[in-house]
Amino acid sequence: MRMTFGVDEVTTDASQKNCEQWDSLRHLTLASELEEAFDLELEPEEIAEMTDFARVVAMLKSKL
């Protein structure tokens, strides 16, 4: 997430609402990078649900 959003730190409270860099393009980039890094496939609905740090982690845990 740090690399995708181009920030030094991502806190556990990071979300689309409080992270200015978390725009729609970077959201899709994040999903793509996660799919590649963890060798998994995310459905469009799952990608749409990943709106904050906790949901990203939960989604990854559910897929692994």
N, C-alpha and C. Protein backbone atom coordinates (compact mmCIF):
# COMPACT_ATOMS: atom_id res chain seq x y z
N MET A 1 0.83 -1.19 0.00
CA MET A 1 0.00 0.00 0.00
C MET A 1 0.87 1.25 0.00
N ARG A 2 1.97 1.20 0.73
CA ARG A 2 2.87 2.36 0.73
C ARG A 2 3.36 2.68 -0.67
N MET A 3 3.79 1.64 -1.38
CA MET A 3 4.32 1.85 -2.73
C MET A 3 3.21 2.31 -3.68
N THR A 4 2.07 1.70 -3.61
CA THR A 4 0.96 2.04 -4.50
C THR A 4 0.50 3.48 -4.30
N PHE A 5 0.41 3.90 -3.05
CA PHE A 5 -0.07 5.24 -2.75
C PHE A 5 1.04 6.28 -2.69
N GLY A 6 2.28 5.82 -2.76
CA GLY A 6 3.41 6.74 -2.75
C GLY A 6 3.56 7.50 -1.45
N VAL A 7 3.35 6.79 -0.33
CA VAL A 7 3.47 7.41 0.99
C VAL A 7 4.52 6.66 1.81
N ASP A 8 5.03 7.32 2.84
CA ASP A 8 6.04 6.71 3.69
C ASP A 8 5.45 5.70 4.66
N GLU A 9 4.20 5.91 5.04
CA GLU A 9 3.59 5.06 6.05
C GLU A 9 2.10 4.89 5.77
N VAL A 10 1.59 3.70 6.04
CA VAL A 10 0.16 3.42 5.99
C VAL A 10 -0.24 2.91 7.36
N THR A 11 -1.14 3.61 7.99
CA THR A 11 -1.59 3.20 9.33
C THR A 11 -2.81 2.30 9.22
N THR A 12 -3.12 1.63 10.30
CA THR A 12 -4.24 0.70 10.29
C THR A 12 -5.58 1.40 10.15
N ASP A 13 -5.63 2.71 10.32
CA ASP A 13 -6.89 3.43 10.13
C ASP A 13 -6.99 4.06 8.73
N ALA A 14 -6.07 3.73 7.84
CA ALA A 14 -6.09 4.27 6.48
C ALA A 14 -7.35 3.82 5.74
N SER A 15 -7.95 4.76 5.04
CA SER A 15 -9.14 4.45 4.25
C SER A 15 -9.21 5.39 3.05
N GLN A 16 -10.14 5.12 2.17
CA GLN A 16 -10.33 6.00 1.03
C GLN A 16 -10.75 7.39 1.48
N LYS A 17 -11.35 7.49 2.65
CA LYS A 17 -11.83 8.78 3.14
C LYS A 17 -10.71 9.65 3.71
N ASN A 18 -9.66 9.04 4.28
CA ASN A 18 -8.64 9.85 4.93
C ASN A 18 -7.26 9.77 4.28
N CYS A 19 -7.15 9.04 3.18
CA CYS A 19 -5.88 8.95 2.46
C CYS A 19 -6.08 9.60 1.10
N GLU A 20 -5.57 10.79 0.96
CA GLU A 20 -5.77 11.58 -0.26
C GLU A 20 -5.27 10.85 -1.51
N GLN A 21 -4.22 10.06 -1.37
CA GLN A 21 -3.65 9.36 -2.50
C GLN A 21 -4.47 8.14 -2.94
N TRP A 22 -5.42 7.71 -2.13
CA TRP A 22 -6.21 6.51 -2.41
C TRP A 22 -7.36 6.89 -3.35
N ASP A 23 -7.02 7.10 -4.60
CA ASP A 23 -8.03 7.42 -5.60
C ASP A 23 -8.44 6.16 -6.35
N SER A 24 -9.34 6.31 -7.30
CA SER A 24 -9.87 5.13 -7.99
C SER A 24 -8.80 4.39 -8.80
N LEU A 25 -7.92 5.12 -9.43
CA LEU A 25 -6.87 4.47 -10.21
C LEU A 25 -5.91 3.69 -9.31
N ARG A 26 -5.51 4.30 -8.22
CA ARG A 26 -4.61 3.60 -7.30
C ARG A 26 -5.31 2.44 -6.60
N HIS A 27 -6.61 2.54 -6.44
CA HIS A 27 -7.37 1.44 -5.85
C HIS A 27 -7.28 0.20 -6.75
N LEU A 28 -7.47 0.40 -8.04
CA LEU A 28 -7.37 -0.70 -8.98
C LEU A 28 -5.94 -1.22 -9.09
N THR A 29 -4.98 -0.31 -9.01
CA THR A 29 -3.57 -0.71 -9.02
C THR A 29 -3.26 -1.56 -7.80
N LEU A 30 -3.77 -1.15 -6.65
CA LEU A 30 -3.57 -1.92 -5.42
C LEU A 30 -4.13 -3.33 -5.58
N ALA A 31 -5.33 -3.44 -6.10
CA ALA A 31 -5.95 -4.75 -6.28
C ALA A 31 -5.09 -5.63 -7.20
N SER A 32 -4.62 -5.05 -8.27
CA SER A 32 -3.79 -5.80 -9.22
C SER A 32 -2.48 -6.25 -8.57
N GLU A 33 -1.86 -5.36 -7.82
CA GLU A 33 -0.60 -5.70 -7.15
C GLU A 33 -0.81 -6.77 -6.09
N LEU A 34 -1.92 -6.72 -5.38
CA LEU A 34 -2.22 -7.74 -4.37
C LEU A 34 -2.45 -9.09 -5.03
N GLU A 35 -3.16 -9.09 -6.15
CA GLU A 35 -3.39 -10.34 -6.87
C GLU A 35 -2.06 -10.97 -7.29
N GLU A 36 -1.17 -10.15 -7.78
CA GLU A 36 0.13 -10.66 -8.22
C GLU A 36 0.99 -11.12 -7.04
N ALA A 37 1.04 -10.31 -6.00
CA ALA A 37 1.90 -10.62 -4.85
C ALA A 37 1.45 -11.88 -4.11
N PHE A 38 0.14 -12.09 -4.03
CA PHE A 38 -0.39 -13.22 -3.26
C PHE A 38 -0.91 -14.35 -4.14
N ASP A 39 -0.72 -14.21 -5.45
CA ASP A 39 -1.15 -15.23 -6.42
C ASP A 39 -2.61 -15.62 -6.19
N LEU A 40 -3.49 -14.63 -6.26
CA LEU A 40 -4.91 -14.86 -6.08
C LEU A 40 -5.69 -14.01 -7.08
N GLU A 41 -6.98 -14.25 -7.15
CA GLU A 41 -7.83 -13.47 -8.04
C GLU A 41 -8.95 -12.85 -7.23
N LEU A 42 -9.12 -11.55 -7.38
CA LEU A 42 -10.17 -10.84 -6.68
C LEU A 42 -11.32 -10.56 -7.64
N GLU A 43 -12.52 -10.77 -7.17
CA GLU A 43 -13.71 -10.46 -7.95
C GLU A 43 -13.97 -8.95 -7.88
N PRO A 44 -14.63 -8.40 -8.88
CA PRO A 44 -14.92 -6.96 -8.86
C PRO A 44 -15.63 -6.50 -7.58
N GLU A 45 -16.54 -7.32 -7.07
CA GLU A 45 -17.25 -6.97 -5.84
C GLU A 45 -16.30 -6.92 -4.65
N GLU A 46 -15.35 -7.84 -4.63
CA GLU A 46 -14.37 -7.87 -3.54
C GLU A 46 -13.47 -6.64 -3.60
N ILE A 47 -13.07 -6.27 -4.79
CA ILE A 47 -12.23 -5.08 -4.95
C ILE A 47 -12.99 -3.85 -4.47
N ALA A 48 -14.25 -3.75 -4.81
CA ALA A 48 -15.07 -2.61 -4.40
C ALA A 48 -15.22 -2.52 -2.89
N GLU A 49 -15.20 -3.66 -2.21
CA GLU A 49 -15.37 -3.70 -0.75
C GLU A 49 -14.10 -3.27 0.00
N MET A 50 -12.97 -3.27 -0.66
CA MET A 50 -11.70 -2.96 0.01
C MET A 50 -11.51 -1.45 0.12
N THR A 51 -12.27 -0.84 1.02
CA THR A 51 -12.27 0.62 1.14
C THR A 51 -11.42 1.15 2.29
N ASP A 52 -10.85 0.25 3.09
CA ASP A 52 -9.96 0.68 4.16
C ASP A 52 -8.97 -0.44 4.47
N PHE A 53 -7.97 -0.11 5.26
CA PHE A 53 -6.89 -1.05 5.57
C PHE A 53 -7.42 -2.36 6.13
N ALA A 54 -8.33 -2.27 7.09
CA ALA A 54 -8.86 -3.47 7.74
C ALA A 54 -9.58 -4.37 6.74
N ARG A 55 -10.32 -3.78 5.82
CA ARG A 55 -11.05 -4.59 4.84
C ARG A 55 -10.10 -5.22 3.83
N VAL A 56 -9.01 -4.54 3.51
CA VAL A 56 -8.00 -5.13 2.62
C VAL A 56 -7.39 -6.36 3.31
N VAL A 57 -7.02 -6.22 4.57
CA VAL A 57 -6.44 -7.33 5.31
C VAL A 57 -7.44 -8.49 5.43
N ALA A 58 -8.68 -8.17 5.75
CA ALA A 58 -9.70 -9.21 5.89
C ALA A 58 -9.93 -9.94 4.56
N MET A 59 -9.91 -9.20 3.47
CA MET A 59 -10.11 -9.82 2.17
C MET A 59 -8.96 -10.78 1.85
N LEU A 60 -7.75 -10.32 2.14
CA LEU A 60 -6.59 -11.18 1.90
C LEU A 60 -6.65 -12.44 2.75
N LYS A 61 -7.01 -12.28 4.01
CA LYS A 61 -7.11 -13.44 4.90
C LYS A 61 -8.16 -14.43 4.41
N SER A 62 -9.25 -13.93 3.89
CA SER A 62 -10.32 -14.81 3.42
C SER A 62 -9.92 -15.58 2.16
N LYS A 63 -8.97 -15.03 1.41
CA LYS A 63 -8.55 -15.64 0.15
C LYS A 63 -7.36 -16.58 0.31
N LEU A 64 -6.66 -16.46 1.44
CA LEU A 64 -5.45 -17.27 1.62
C LEU A 64 -5.71 -18.50 2.47
